[in-house]
Amino acid sequence: MSINRLEIEGRVVVGESLRYTPAGIPVLQFRLAHASQQIEADRERTVSCEIDAQAFGEVATRLAACKTDSYLTLTGFLDRKGARNPMPNLHVTEFKIIKE
């Protein structure tokens, strides 16, 4: 098995309402905005991006209680957005609230 693990901090900027799959599993889709200072080639640089994310099950239910603009640490893995969309999507498996 290959490594596919992502941990990122950021602010929830867009969030949809909690919904359910046909099998009754809770699912939440949202977008996280990240900004930080990173070292690359021995130089500090400002990094900023937004990443689409989703969570399922109990993680989705707990995340749905977070407000837009909450600052979180998300842990999970990357997968493509859909069968015809190869863009990355973070599947959140755990999270920590830093600031609501």
PDB file of N, CA and C in Angstrom:
ATOM      1  N   MET A   1       0.842  -1.181   0.000  1.00  0.00           N
ATOM      2  CA  MET A   1       0.000   0.000   0.000  1.00  0.00           C
ATOM      3  C   MET A   1       0.885   1.241   0.000  1.00  0.00           C
ATOM      4  N   SER A   2       0.550   2.236  -0.784  1.00  0.00           N
ATOM      5  CA  SER A   2       1.308   3.480  -0.878  1.00  0.00           C
ATOM      6  C   SER A   2       0.826   4.484   0.157  1.00  0.00           C
ATOM      7  N   ILE A   3       1.688   5.437   0.473  1.00  0.00           N
ATOM      8  CA  ILE A   3       1.336   6.482   1.435  1.00  0.00           C
ATOM      9  C   ILE A   3       0.446   7.513   0.763  1.00  0.00           C
ATOM     10  N   ASN A   4      -0.641   7.851   1.406  1.00  0.00           N
ATOM     11  CA  ASN A   4      -1.558   8.898   0.954  1.00  0.00           C
ATOM     12  C   ASN A   4      -2.188   9.477   2.204  1.00  0.00           C
ATOM     13  N   ARG A   5      -1.506  10.437   2.815  1.00  0.00           N
ATOM     14  CA  ARG A   5      -1.975  11.038   4.061  1.00  0.00           C
ATOM     15  C   ARG A   5      -1.698  12.531   3.984  1.00  0.00           C
ATOM     16  N   LEU A   6      -2.678  13.319   4.369  1.00  0.00           N
ATOM     17  CA  LEU A   6      -2.538  14.769   4.343  1.00  0.00           C
ATOM     18  C   LEU A   6      -3.012  15.335   5.667  1.00  0.00           C
ATOM     19  N   GLU A   7      -2.229  16.250   6.220  1.00  0.00           N
ATOM     20  CA  GLU A   7      -2.633  16.999   7.408  1.00  0.00           C
ATOM     21  C   GLU A   7      -2.467  18.467   7.065  1.00  0.00           C
ATOM     22  N   ILE A   8      -3.519  19.238   7.268  1.00  0.00           N
ATOM     23  CA  ILE A   8      -3.500  20.641   6.882  1.00  0.00           C
ATOM     24  C   ILE A   8      -4.370  21.447   7.836  1.00  0.00           C
ATOM     25  N   GLU A   9      -3.936  22.674   8.120  1.00  0.00           N
ATOM     26  CA  GLU A   9      -4.728  23.594   8.932  1.00  0.00           C
ATOM     27  C   GLU A   9      -5.325  24.647   8.026  1.00  0.00           C
ATOM     28  N   GLY A  10      -6.486  25.111   8.394  1.00  0.00           N
ATOM     29  CA  GLY A  10      -7.096  26.168   7.610  1.00  0.00           C
ATOM     30  C   GLY A  10      -8.451  26.566   8.147  1.00  0.00           C
ATOM     31  N   ARG A  11      -9.084  27.437   7.390  1.00  0.00           N
ATOM     32  CA  ARG A  11     -10.366  28.026   7.765  1.00  0.00           C
ATOM     33  C   ARG A  11     -11.441  27.524   6.816  1.00  0.00           C
ATOM     34  N   VAL A  12     -12.562  27.103   7.373  1.00  0.00           N
ATOM     35  CA  VAL A  12     -13.696  26.663   6.556  1.00  0.00           C
ATOM     36  C   VAL A  12     -14.291  27.896   5.881  1.00  0.00           C
ATOM     37  N   VAL A  13     -14.270  27.922   4.542  1.00  0.00           N
ATOM     38  CA  VAL A  13     -14.777  29.097   3.823  1.00  0.00           C
ATOM     39  C   VAL A  13     -16.107  28.834   3.130  1.00  0.00           C
ATOM     40  N   VAL A  14     -16.376  27.621   2.778  1.00  0.00           N
ATOM     41  CA  VAL A  14     -17.644  27.260   2.144  1.00  0.00           C
ATOM     42  C   VAL A  14     -18.056  25.911   2.709  1.00  0.00           C
ATOM     43  N   GLY A  15     -19.283  25.825   3.150  1.00  0.00           N
ATOM     44  CA  GLY A  15     -19.771  24.550   3.655  1.00  0.00           C
ATOM     45  C   GLY A  15     -21.195  24.297   3.214  1.00  0.00           C
ATOM     46  N   GLU A  16     -21.459  23.078   2.836  1.00  0.00           N
ATOM     47  CA  GLU A  16     -22.815  22.698   2.466  1.00  0.00           C
ATOM     48  C   GLU A  16     -23.516  22.111   3.685  1.00  0.00           C
ATOM     49  N   SER A  17     -24.797  21.925   3.584  1.00  0.00           N
ATOM     50  CA  SER A  17     -25.560  21.279   4.647  1.00  0.00           C
ATOM     51  C   SER A  17     -25.244  19.791   4.672  1.00  0.00           C
ATOM     52  N   LEU A  18     -25.342  19.226   5.845  1.00  0.00           N
ATOM     53  CA  LEU A  18     -25.162  17.786   5.987  1.00  0.00           C
ATOM     54  C   LEU A  18     -26.241  17.082   5.170  1.00  0.00           C
ATOM     55  N   ARG A  19     -25.827  16.111   4.392  1.00  0.00           N
ATOM     56  CA  ARG A  19     -26.798  15.321   3.627  1.00  0.00           C
ATOM     57  C   ARG A  19     -26.489  13.847   3.858  1.00  0.00           C
ATOM     58  N   TYR A  20     -27.286  12.994   3.251  1.00  0.00           N
ATOM     59  CA  TYR A  20     -27.146  11.558   3.476  1.00  0.00           C
ATOM     60  C   TYR A  20     -27.085  10.815   2.150  1.00  0.00           C
ATOM     61  N   THR A  21     -26.258   9.788   2.094  1.00  0.00           N
ATOM     62  CA  THR A  21     -26.191   8.935   0.908  1.00  0.00           C
ATOM     63  C   THR A  21     -27.464   8.089   0.856  1.00  0.00           C
ATOM     64  N   PRO A  22     -27.739   7.449  -0.279  1.00  0.00           N
ATOM     65  CA  PRO A  22     -28.905   6.555  -0.337  1.00  0.00           C
ATOM     66  C   PRO A  22     -28.865   5.446   0.727  1.00  0.00           C
ATOM     67  N   ALA A  23     -27.674   5.101   1.184  1.00  0.00           N
ATOM     68  CA  ALA A  23     -27.534   4.081   2.233  1.00  0.00           C
ATOM     69  C   ALA A  23     -27.708   4.665   3.633  1.00  0.00           C
ATOM     70  N   GLY A  24     -27.953   5.993   3.720  1.00  0.00           N
ATOM     71  CA  GLY A  24     -28.177   6.635   5.014  1.00  0.00           C
ATOM     72  C   GLY A  24     -26.923   7.099   5.721  1.00  0.00           C
ATOM     73  N   ILE A  25     -25.790   7.148   5.029  1.00  0.00           N
ATOM     74  CA  ILE A  25     -24.530   7.584   5.636  1.00  0.00           C
ATOM     75  C   ILE A  25     -24.424   9.100   5.526  1.00  0.00           C
ATOM     76  N   PRO A  26     -24.157   9.796   6.652  1.00  0.00           N
ATOM     77  CA  PRO A  26     -23.997  11.250   6.592  1.00  0.00           C
ATOM     78  C   PRO A  26     -22.776  11.632   5.753  1.00  0.00           C
ATOM     79  N   VAL A  27     -22.904  12.701   4.960  1.00  0.00           N
ATOM     80  CA  VAL A  27     -21.790  13.207   4.158  1.00  0.00           C
ATOM     81  C   VAL A  27     -21.825  14.730   4.189  1.00  0.00           C
ATOM     82  N   LEU A  28     -20.646  15.326   4.319  1.00  0.00           N
ATOM     83  CA  LEU A  28     -20.516  16.780   4.347  1.00  0.00           C
ATOM     84  C   LEU A  28     -19.419  17.182   3.376  1.00  0.00           C
ATOM     85  N   GLN A  29     -19.716  18.139   2.506  1.00  0.00           N
ATOM     86  CA  GLN A  29     -18.725  18.681   1.582  1.00  0.00           C
ATOM     87  C   GLN A  29     -18.487  20.139   1.940  1.00  0.00           C
ATOM     88  N   PHE A  30     -17.207  20.550   1.879  1.00  0.00           N
ATOM     89  CA  PHE A  30     -16.859  21.923   2.224  1.00  0.00           C
ATOM     90  C   PHE A  30     -15.525  22.281   1.585  1.00  0.00           C
ATOM     91  N   ARG A  31     -15.120  23.533   1.745  1.00  0.00           N
ATOM     92  CA  ARG A  31     -13.834  24.008   1.222  1.00  0.00           C
ATOM     93  C   ARG A  31     -13.043  24.613   2.374  1.00  0.00           C
ATOM     94  N   LEU A  32     -11.741  24.324   2.381  1.00  0.00           N
ATOM     95  CA  LEU A  32     -10.834  24.829   3.403  1.00  0.00           C
ATOM     96  C   LEU A  32      -9.830  25.776   2.757  1.00  0.00           C
ATOM     97  N   ALA A  33      -9.636  26.950   3.356  1.00  0.00           N
ATOM     98  CA  ALA A  33      -8.619  27.906   2.898  1.00  0.00           C
ATOM     99  C   ALA A  33      -7.410  27.785   3.820  1.00  0.00           C
ATOM    100  N   HIS A  34      -6.239  27.632   3.228  1.00  0.00           N
ATOM    101  CA  HIS A  34      -4.993  27.476   3.977  1.00  0.00           C
ATOM    102  C   HIS A  34      -4.050  28.626   3.635  1.00  0.00           C
ATOM    103  N   ALA A  35      -3.333  29.127   4.639  1.00  0.00           N
ATOM    104  CA  ALA A  35      -2.283  30.132   4.428  1.00  0.00           C
ATOM    105  C   ALA A  35      -1.187  29.876   5.461  1.00  0.00           C
ATOM    106  N   SER A  36       0.071  29.883   5.002  1.00  0.00           N
ATOM    107  CA  SER A  36       1.186  29.639   5.917  1.00  0.00           C
ATOM    108  C   SER A  36       2.489  30.120   5.297  1.00  0.00           C
ATOM    109  N   GLN A  37       3.543  30.043   6.090  1.00  0.00           N
ATOM    110  CA  GLN A  37       4.898  30.299   5.625  1.00  0.00           C
ATOM    111  C   GLN A  37       5.612  28.950   5.566  1.00  0.00           C
ATOM    112  N   GLN A  38       6.266  28.651   4.447  1.00  0.00           N
ATOM    113  CA  GLN A  38       6.962  27.382   4.267  1.00  0.00           C
ATOM    114  C   GLN A  38       8.373  27.653   3.749  1.00  0.00           C
ATOM    115  N   ILE A  39       9.263  26.708   3.995  1.00  0.00           N
ATOM    116  CA  ILE A  39      10.634  26.810   3.505  1.00  0.00           C
ATOM    117  C   ILE A  39      10.759  25.950   2.248  1.00  0.00           C
ATOM    118  N   GLU A  40      11.258  26.561   1.184  1.00  0.00           N
ATOM    119  CA  GLU A  40      11.506  25.843  -0.066  1.00  0.00           C
ATOM    120  C   GLU A  40      12.814  26.359  -0.644  1.00  0.00           C
ATOM    121  N   ALA A  41      13.729  25.455  -0.960  1.00  0.00           N
ATOM    122  CA  ALA A  41      15.043  25.824  -1.501  1.00  0.00           C
ATOM    123  C   ALA A  41      15.734  26.840  -0.590  1.00  0.00           C
ATOM    124  N   ASP A  42      15.673  26.575   0.712  1.00  0.00           N
ATOM    125  CA  ASP A  42      16.309  27.417   1.734  1.00  0.00           C
ATOM    126  C   ASP A  42      15.741  28.829   1.809  1.00  0.00           C
ATOM    127  N   ARG A  43      14.569  29.047   1.285  1.00  0.00           N
ATOM    128  CA  ARG A  43      13.934  30.367   1.348  1.00  0.00           C
ATOM    129  C   ARG A  43      12.515  30.221   1.882  1.00  0.00           C
ATOM    130  N   GLU A  44      12.119  31.231   2.652  1.00  0.00           N
ATOM    131  CA  GLU A  44      10.754  31.245   3.161  1.00  0.00           C
ATOM    132  C   GLU A  44       9.821  31.813   2.104  1.00  0.00           C
ATOM    133  N   ARG A  45       8.679  31.192   1.967  1.00  0.00           N
ATOM    134  CA  ARG A  45       7.695  31.701   1.014  1.00  0.00           C
ATOM    135  C   ARG A  45       6.305  31.602   1.618  1.00  0.00           C
ATOM    136  N   THR A  46       5.444  32.490   1.176  1.00  0.00           N
ATOM    137  CA  THR A  46       4.052  32.476   1.601  1.00  0.00           C
ATOM    138  C   THR A  46       3.277  31.511   0.712  1.00  0.00           C
ATOM    139  N   VAL A  47       2.507  30.661   1.350  1.00  0.00           N
ATOM    140  CA  VAL A  47       1.711  29.662   0.645  1.00  0.00           C
ATOM    141  C   VAL A  47       0.241  29.912   0.966  1.00  0.00           C
ATOM    142  N   SER A  48      -0.598  29.882  -0.045  1.00  0.00           N
ATOM    143  CA  SER A  48      -2.040  29.960   0.197  1.00  0.00           C
ATOM    144  C   SER A  48      -2.759  29.159  -0.874  1.00  0.00           C
ATOM    145  N   CYS A  49      -3.808  28.480  -0.461  1.00  0.00           N
ATOM    146  CA  CYS A  49      -4.597  27.681  -1.398  1.00  0.00           C
ATOM    147  C   CYS A  49      -5.947  27.371  -0.769  1.00  0.00           C
ATOM    148  N   GLU A  50      -6.838  26.868  -1.589  1.00  0.00           N
ATOM    149  CA  GLU A  50      -8.108  26.343  -1.111  1.00  0.00           C
ATOM    150  C   GLU A  50      -8.218  24.910  -1.599  1.00  0.00           C
ATOM    151  N   ILE A  51      -8.770  24.052  -0.761  1.00  0.00           N
ATOM    152  CA  ILE A  51      -8.928  22.649  -1.129  1.00  0.00           C
ATOM    153  C   ILE A  51     -10.343  22.196  -0.784  1.00  0.00           C
ATOM    154  N   ASP A  52     -10.951  21.475  -1.712  1.00  0.00           N
ATOM    155  CA  ASP A  52     -12.261  20.892  -1.461  1.00  0.00           C
ATOM    156  C   ASP A  52     -12.081  19.659  -0.594  1.00  0.00           C
ATOM    157  N   ALA A  53     -13.030  19.468   0.318  1.00  0.00           N
ATOM    158  CA  ALA A  53     -12.941  18.347   1.250  1.00  0.00           C
ATOM    159  C   ALA A  53     -14.322  17.753   1.480  1.00  0.00           C
ATOM    160  N   GLN A  54     -14.316  16.522   1.944  1.00  0.00           N
ATOM    161  CA  GLN A  54     -15.570  15.888   2.323  1.00  0.00           C
ATOM    162  C   GLN A  54     -15.307  14.910   3.452  1.00  0.00           C
ATOM    163  N   ALA A  55     -16.355  14.661   4.219  1.00  0.00           N
ATOM    164  CA  ALA A  55     -16.273  13.716   5.329  1.00  0.00           C
ATOM    165  C   ALA A  55     -17.530  12.859   5.328  1.00  0.00           C
ATOM    166  N   PHE A  56     -17.391  11.661   5.849  1.00  0.00           N
ATOM    167  CA  PHE A  56     -18.507  10.721   5.913  1.00  0.00           C
ATOM    168  C   PHE A  56     -18.710  10.257   7.347  1.00  0.00           C
ATOM    169  N   GLY A  57     -19.892   9.763   7.623  1.00  0.00           N
ATOM    170  CA  GLY A  57     -20.194   9.137   8.906  1.00  0.00           C
ATOM    171  C   GLY A  57     -20.157  10.105  10.069  1.00  0.00           C
ATOM    172  N   GLU A  58     -19.637   9.598  11.196  1.00  0.00           N
ATOM    173  CA  GLU A  58     -19.607  10.381  12.429  1.00  0.00           C
ATOM    174  C   GLU A  58     -18.740  11.634  12.283  1.00  0.00           C
ATOM    175  N   VAL A  59     -17.670  11.550  11.502  1.00  0.00           N
ATOM    176  CA  VAL A  59     -16.817  12.723  11.271  1.00  0.00           C
ATOM    177  C   VAL A  59     -17.627  13.815  10.571  1.00  0.00           C
ATOM    178  N   ALA A  60     -18.440  13.453   9.601  1.00  0.00           N
ATOM    179  CA  ALA A  60     -19.283  14.422   8.893  1.00  0.00           C
ATOM    180  C   ALA A  60     -20.280  15.071   9.844  1.00  0.00           C
ATOM    181  N   THR A  61     -20.887  14.274  10.695  1.00  0.00           N
ATOM    182  CA  THR A  61     -21.872  14.797  11.647  1.00  0.00           C
ATOM    183  C   THR A  61     -21.229  15.798  12.598  1.00  0.00           C
ATOM    184  N   ARG A  62     -20.037  15.480  13.105  1.00  0.00           N
ATOM    185  CA  ARG A  62     -19.341  16.396  14.019  1.00  0.00           C
ATOM    186  C   ARG A  62     -18.869  17.654  13.301  1.00  0.00           C
ATOM    187  N   LEU A  63     -18.360  17.497  12.076  1.00  0.00           N
ATOM    188  CA  LEU A  63     -17.904  18.659  11.304  1.00  0.00           C
ATOM    189  C   LEU A  63     -19.054  19.595  10.953  1.00  0.00           C
ATOM    190  N   ALA A  64     -20.231  19.053  10.737  1.00  0.00           N
ATOM    191  CA  ALA A  64     -21.396  19.868  10.374  1.00  0.00           C
ATOM    192  C   ALA A  64     -21.748  20.861  11.476  1.00  0.00           C
ATOM    193  N   ALA A  65     -21.351  20.568  12.708  1.00  0.00           N
ATOM    194  CA  ALA A  65     -21.619  21.470  13.826  1.00  0.00           C
ATOM    195  C   ALA A  65     -20.655  22.657  13.855  1.00  0.00           C
ATOM    196  N   CYS A  66     -19.566  22.597  13.090  1.00  0.00           N
ATOM    197  CA  CYS A  66     -18.603  23.706  13.033  1.00  0.00           C
ATOM    198  C   CYS A  66     -19.163  24.839  12.180  1.00  0.00           C
ATOM    199  N   LYS A  67     -18.854  26.046  12.577  1.00  0.00           N
ATOM    200  CA  LYS A  67     -19.322  27.217  11.844  1.00  0.00           C
ATOM    201  C   LYS A  67     -18.390  27.532  10.676  1.00  0.00           C
ATOM    202  N   THR A  68     -18.941  28.210   9.662  1.00  0.00           N
ATOM    203  CA  THR A  68     -18.085  28.767   8.616  1.00  0.00           C
ATOM    204  C   THR A  68     -17.117  29.717   9.305  1.00  0.00           C
ATOM    205  N   ASP A  69     -15.888  29.766   8.866  1.00  0.00           N
ATOM    206  CA  ASP A  69     -14.782  30.536   9.440  1.00  0.00           C
ATOM    207  C   ASP A  69     -14.117  29.844  10.626  1.00  0.00           C
ATOM    208  N   SER A  70     -14.576  28.644  11.003  1.00  0.00           N
ATOM    209  CA  SER A  70     -13.870  27.890  12.040  1.00  0.00           C
ATOM    210  C   SER A  70     -12.480  27.534  11.523  1.00  0.00           C
ATOM    211  N   TYR A  71     -11.496  27.537  12.418  1.00  0.00           N
ATOM    212  CA  TYR A  71     -10.128  27.185  12.072  1.00  0.00           C
ATOM    213  C   TYR A  71      -9.877  25.761  12.559  1.00  0.00           C
ATOM    214  N   LEU A  72      -9.503  24.867  11.640  1.00  0.00           N
ATOM    215  CA  LEU A  72      -9.404  23.440  11.929  1.00  0.00           C
ATOM    216  C   LEU A  72      -8.074  22.846  11.483  1.00  0.00           C
ATOM    217  N   THR A  73      -7.702  21.741  12.091  1.00  0.00           N
ATOM    218  CA  THR A  73      -6.673  20.861  11.561  1.00  0.00           C
ATOM    219  C   THR A  73      -7.395  19.640  11.018  1.00  0.00           C
ATOM    220  N   LEU A  74      -7.187  19.360   9.740  1.00  0.00           N
ATOM    221  CA  LEU A  74      -7.822  18.215   9.099  1.00  0.00           C
ATOM    222  C   LEU A  74      -6.777  17.157   8.782  1.00  0.00           C
ATOM    223  N   THR A  75      -7.130  15.906   8.965  1.00  0.00           N
ATOM    224  CA  THR A  75      -6.282  14.783   8.594  1.00  0.00           C
ATOM    225  C   THR A  75      -7.110  13.848   7.727  1.00  0.00           C
ATOM    226  N   GLY A  76      -6.488  13.357   6.666  1.00  0.00           N
ATOM    227  CA  GLY A  76      -7.204  12.443   5.793  1.00  0.00           C
ATOM    228  C   GLY A  76      -6.342  12.016   4.625  1.00  0.00           C
ATOM    229  N   PHE A  77      -6.999  11.703   3.519  1.00  0.00           N
ATOM    230  CA  PHE A  77      -6.292  11.250   2.325  1.00  0.00           C
ATOM    231  C   PHE A  77      -6.893  11.917   1.097  1.00  0.00           C
ATOM    232  N   LEU A  78      -6.130  11.926   0.011  1.00  0.00           N
ATOM    233  CA  LEU A  78      -6.593  12.528  -1.237  1.00  0.00           C
ATOM    234  C   LEU A  78      -7.151  11.467  -2.177  1.00  0.00           C
ATOM    235  N   ASP A  79      -8.221  11.840  -2.836  1.00  0.00           N
ATOM    236  CA  ASP A  79      -8.796  11.020  -3.901  1.00  0.00           C
ATOM    237  C   ASP A  79      -9.312  11.991  -4.949  1.00  0.00           C
ATOM    238  N   ARG A  80      -9.621  11.501  -6.114  1.00  0.00           N
ATOM    239  CA  ARG A  80     -10.161  12.393  -7.128  1.00  0.00           C
ATOM    240  C   ARG A  80     -11.609  12.731  -6.789  1.00  0.00           C
ATOM    241  N   LYS A  81     -12.072  13.857  -7.346  1.00  0.00           N
ATOM    242  CA  LYS A  81     -13.417  14.334  -7.024  1.00  0.00           C
ATOM    243  C   LYS A  81     -14.521  13.423  -7.527  1.00  0.00           C
ATOM    244  N   GLY A  82     -14.298  12.768  -8.618  1.00  0.00           N
ATOM    245  CA  GLY A  82     -15.341  11.903  -9.166  1.00  0.00           C
ATOM    246  C   GLY A  82     -14.798  11.055 -10.294  1.00  0.00           C
ATOM    247  N   ALA A  83     -15.646  10.227 -10.843  1.00  0.00           N
ATOM    248  CA  ALA A  83     -15.228   9.307 -11.899  1.00  0.00           C
ATOM    249  C   ALA A  83     -14.664  10.038 -13.110  1.00  0.00           C
ATOM    250  N   ARG A  84     -15.177  11.229 -13.379  1.00  0.00           N
ATOM    251  CA  ARG A  84     -14.720  11.987 -14.555  1.00  0.00           C
ATOM    252  C   ARG A  84     -13.946  13.251 -14.193  1.00  0.00           C
ATOM    253  N   ASN A  85     -13.664  13.433 -12.917  1.00  0.00           N
ATOM    254  CA  ASN A  85     -12.955  14.634 -12.473  1.00  0.00           C
ATOM    255  C   ASN A  85     -11.720  14.219 -11.677  1.00  0.00           C
ATOM    256  N   PRO A  86     -10.516  14.347 -12.266  1.00  0.00           N
ATOM    257  CA  PRO A  86      -9.305  13.899 -11.590  1.00  0.00           C
ATOM    258  C   PRO A  86      -8.749  14.889 -10.555  1.00  0.00           C
ATOM    259  N   MET A  87      -9.399  16.029 -10.362  1.00  0.00           N
ATOM    260  CA  MET A  87      -8.894  17.015  -9.399  1.00  0.00           C
ATOM    261  C   MET A  87      -8.950  16.440  -7.981  1.00  0.00           C
ATOM    262  N   PRO A  88      -7.974  16.808  -7.125  1.00  0.00           N
ATOM    263  CA  PRO A  88      -7.920  16.222  -5.782  1.00  0.00           C
ATOM    264  C   PRO A  88      -9.035  16.717  -4.863  1.00  0.00           C
ATOM    265  N   ASN A  89      -9.430  15.838  -3.979  1.00  0.00           N
ATOM    266  CA  ASN A  89     -10.440  16.119  -2.974  1.00  0.00           C
ATOM    267  C   ASN A  89      -9.958  15.464  -1.681  1.00  0.00           C
ATOM    268  N   LEU A  90      -9.927  16.224  -0.596  1.00  0.00           N
ATOM    269  CA  LEU A  90      -9.482  15.695   0.688  1.00  0.00           C
ATOM    270  C   LEU A  90     -10.636  14.960   1.361  1.00  0.00           C
ATOM    271  N   HIS A  91     -10.417  13.696   1.669  1.00  0.00           N
ATOM    272  CA  HIS A  91     -11.389  12.909   2.431  1.00  0.00           C
ATOM    273  C   HIS A  91     -10.944  12.957   3.893  1.00  0.00           C
ATOM    274  N   VAL A  92     -11.695  13.651   4.712  1.00  0.00           N
ATOM    275  CA  VAL A  92     -11.323  13.886   6.106  1.00  0.00           C
ATOM    276  C   VAL A  92     -11.677  12.659   6.947  1.00  0.00           C
ATOM    277  N   THR A  93     -10.684  12.150   7.666  1.00  0.00           N
ATOM    278  CA  THR A  93     -10.903  11.009   8.551  1.00  0.00           C
ATOM    279  C   THR A  93     -10.857  11.405  10.022  1.00  0.00           C
ATOM    280  N   GLU A  94     -10.257  12.560  10.303  1.00  0.00           N
ATOM    281  CA  GLU A  94     -10.254  13.104  11.661  1.00  0.00           C
ATOM    282  C   GLU A  94      -9.991  14.598  11.585  1.00  0.00           C
ATOM    283  N   PHE A  95     -10.403  15.315  12.636  1.00  0.00           N
ATOM    284  CA  PHE A  95     -10.179  16.754  12.657  1.00  0.00           C
ATOM    285  C   PHE A  95     -10.091  17.243  14.091  1.00  0.00           C
ATOM    286  N   LYS A  96      -9.500  18.423  14.231  1.00  0.00           N
ATOM    287  CA  LYS A  96      -9.406  19.086  15.531  1.00  0.00           C
ATOM    288  C   LYS A  96      -9.795  20.540  15.329  1.00  0.00           C
ATOM    289  N   ILE A  97     -10.633  21.050  16.212  1.00  0.00           N
ATOM    290  CA  ILE A  97     -11.021  22.459  16.154  1.00  0.00           C
ATOM    291  C   ILE A  97      -9.939  23.274  16.846  1.00  0.00           C
ATOM    292  N   ILE A  98      -9.374  24.234  16.134  1.00  0.00           N
ATOM    293  CA  ILE A  98      -8.372  25.123  16.715  1.00  0.00           C
ATOM    294  C   ILE A  98      -9.058  26.365  17.270  1.00  0.00           C
ATOM    295  N   LYS A  99     -10.005  26.908  16.480  1.00  0.00           N
ATOM    296  CA  LYS A  99     -10.725  28.111  16.910  1.00  0.00           C
ATOM    297  C   LYS A  99     -12.056  28.169  16.175  1.00  0.00           C
ATOM    298  N   GLU A 100     -13.140  28.390  16.927  1.00  0.00           N
ATOM    299  CA  GLU A 100     -14.456  28.529  16.286  1.00  0.00           C
ATOM    300  C   GLU A 100     -14.833  29.979  16.171  1.00  0.00           C
TER     301      GLU A 100
END
